[in-house]
């Protein structure tokens, strides 16, 4: 035997029925704060700072990848001279 029940209600009605709190005001306040912080972070990052932050780690990762592939099967051309 199979029973199907369709409930047609809004999210607000479902929350109220289940006794869950309404967090819309807290969520909106948090979104405003997140937006402010993101805007501050974007304003403080100039292209030079971004490159200095990202470039060293990407170069180290590239060198490690070269060493790894050089160790696989003793491939030539990947070793650092």
C-alpha atoms as a PDB file:
ATOM      1  CA  UNK A   1       0.000   0.000   0.000  1.00  0.00           C
ATOM      2  CA  UNK A   2       1.296   3.423  -0.892  1.00  0.00           C
ATOM      3  CA  UNK A   3       0.003   6.703   0.531  1.00  0.00           C
ATOM      4  CA  UNK A   4       0.890  10.103  -0.893  1.00  0.00           C
ATOM      5  CA  UNK A   5       0.180  13.346   0.924  1.00  0.00           C
ATOM      6  CA  UNK A   6       0.614  16.702  -0.804  1.00  0.00           C
ATOM      7  CA  UNK A   7       0.921  19.748   1.427  1.00  0.00           C
ATOM      8  CA  UNK A   8       0.495  23.131  -0.179  1.00  0.00           C
ATOM      9  CA  UNK A   9       1.885  25.834   2.092  1.00  0.00           C
ATOM     10  CA  UNK A  10       4.398  28.644   2.077  1.00  0.00           C
ATOM     11  CA  UNK A  11       7.759  28.342   3.844  1.00  0.00           C
ATOM     12  CA  UNK A  12       6.476  30.743   6.519  1.00  0.00           C
ATOM     13  CA  UNK A  13       3.438  28.553   7.151  1.00  0.00           C
ATOM     14  CA  UNK A  14       5.607  25.421   7.351  1.00  0.00           C
ATOM     15  CA  UNK A  15       7.983  27.076   9.847  1.00  0.00           C
ATOM     16  CA  UNK A  16       5.075  28.201  12.003  1.00  0.00           C
ATOM     17  CA  UNK A  17       3.448  24.751  11.872  1.00  0.00           C
ATOM     18  CA  UNK A  18       6.703  23.006  12.861  1.00  0.00           C
ATOM     19  CA  UNK A  19       7.492  25.608  15.527  1.00  0.00           C
ATOM     20  CA  UNK A  20      10.720  26.767  13.905  1.00  0.00           C
ATOM     21  CA  UNK A  21      11.918  30.334  14.525  1.00  0.00           C
ATOM     22  CA  UNK A  22      11.669  33.023  11.858  1.00  0.00           C
ATOM     23  CA  UNK A  23      15.263  33.996  11.109  1.00  0.00           C
ATOM     24  CA  UNK A  24      14.642  36.438   8.249  1.00  0.00           C
ATOM     25  CA  UNK A  25      15.681  39.538  10.232  1.00  0.00           C
ATOM     26  CA  UNK A  26      18.884  37.919  11.504  1.00  0.00           C
ATOM     27  CA  UNK A  27      19.667  36.624   8.024  1.00  0.00           C
ATOM     28  CA  UNK A  28      19.172  40.049   6.454  1.00  0.00           C
ATOM     29  CA  UNK A  29      21.400  41.676   9.086  1.00  0.00           C
ATOM     30  CA  UNK A  30      24.141  39.114   8.456  1.00  0.00           C
ATOM     31  CA  UNK A  31      23.925  39.610   4.689  1.00  0.00           C
ATOM     32  CA  UNK A  32      24.334  43.366   5.109  1.00  0.00           C
ATOM     33  CA  UNK A  33      27.413  42.804   7.303  1.00  0.00           C
ATOM     34  CA  UNK A  34      28.920  40.316   4.852  1.00  0.00           C
ATOM     35  CA  UNK A  35      28.350  42.733   1.981  1.00  0.00           C
ATOM     36  CA  UNK A  36      30.078  45.565   3.899  1.00  0.00           C
ATOM     37  CA  UNK A  37      33.087  43.374   4.675  1.00  0.00           C
ATOM     38  CA  UNK A  38      33.375  42.177   1.088  1.00  0.00           C
ATOM     39  CA  UNK A  39      33.258  45.743  -0.210  1.00  0.00           C
ATOM     40  CA  UNK A  40      36.010  46.760   2.247  1.00  0.00           C
ATOM     41  CA  UNK A  41      38.158  43.809   1.186  1.00  0.00           C
ATOM     42  CA  UNK A  42      37.726  44.601  -2.513  1.00  0.00           C
ATOM     43  CA  UNK A  43      38.619  48.262  -1.984  1.00  0.00           C
ATOM     44  CA  UNK A  44      41.757  47.376  -0.021  1.00  0.00           C
ATOM     45  CA  UNK A  45      43.120  44.965  -2.640  1.00  0.00           C
ATOM     46  CA  UNK A  46      45.027  46.579  -5.459  1.00  0.00           C
ATOM     47  CA  UNK A  47      46.395  44.426  -8.321  1.00  0.00           C
ATOM     48  CA  UNK A  48      49.976  44.567  -7.023  1.00  0.00           C
ATOM     49  CA  UNK A  49      48.950  43.228  -3.599  1.00  0.00           C
ATOM     50  CA  UNK A  50      46.909  40.466  -5.201  1.00  0.00           C
ATOM     51  CA  UNK A  51      49.859  39.368  -7.348  1.00  0.00           C
ATOM     52  CA  UNK A  52      52.249  39.396  -4.381  1.00  0.00           C
ATOM     53  CA  UNK A  53      49.769  37.329  -2.386  1.00  0.00           C
ATOM     54  CA  UNK A  54      48.996  34.721  -5.046  1.00  0.00           C
ATOM     55  CA  UNK A  55      52.146  34.462  -7.147  1.00  0.00           C
ATOM     56  CA  UNK A  56      54.601  32.944  -4.649  1.00  0.00           C
ATOM     57  CA  UNK A  57      52.285  30.091  -3.713  1.00  0.00           C
ATOM     58  CA  UNK A  58      51.422  29.301  -7.315  1.00  0.00           C
ATOM     59  CA  UNK A  59      55.108  29.223  -8.303  1.00  0.00           C
ATOM     60  CA  UNK A  60      55.940  26.895  -5.416  1.00  0.00           C
ATOM     61  CA  UNK A  61      53.084  24.642  -6.415  1.00  0.00           C
ATOM     62  CA  UNK A  62      54.309  24.613 -10.017  1.00  0.00           C
ATOM     63  CA  UNK A  63      57.830  23.654  -8.926  1.00  0.00           C
ATOM     64  CA  UNK A  64      56.484  20.884  -6.705  1.00  0.00           C
ATOM     65  CA  UNK A  65      54.398  19.589  -9.602  1.00  0.00           C
ATOM     66  CA  UNK A  66      57.512  19.582 -11.826  1.00  0.00           C
ATOM     67  CA  UNK A  67      59.440  17.585  -9.215  1.00  0.00           C
ATOM     68  CA  UNK A  68      56.562  15.132  -8.851  1.00  0.00           C
ATOM     69  CA  UNK A  69      56.298  14.502 -12.588  1.00  0.00           C
ATOM     70  CA  UNK A  70      60.090  14.276 -12.802  1.00  0.00           C
ATOM     71  CA  UNK A  71      60.041  11.497 -10.201  1.00  0.00           C
ATOM     72  CA  UNK A  72      57.361   9.561 -12.076  1.00  0.00           C
ATOM     73  CA  UNK A  73      59.222   7.227 -14.371  1.00  0.00           C
ATOM     74  CA  UNK A  74      62.372   9.373 -14.425  1.00  0.00           C
ATOM     75  CA  UNK A  75      61.070  11.692 -17.116  1.00  0.00           C
ATOM     76  CA  UNK A  76      63.709  13.950 -18.579  1.00  0.00           C
ATOM     77  CA  UNK A  77      63.151  17.647 -19.122  1.00  0.00           C
ATOM     78  CA  UNK A  78      61.306  18.205 -15.884  1.00  0.00           C
ATOM     79  CA  UNK A  79      64.310  18.130 -13.575  1.00  0.00           C
ATOM     80  CA  UNK A  80      65.604  21.436 -12.319  1.00  0.00           C
ATOM     81  CA  UNK A  81      69.081  22.119 -13.742  1.00  0.00           C
END
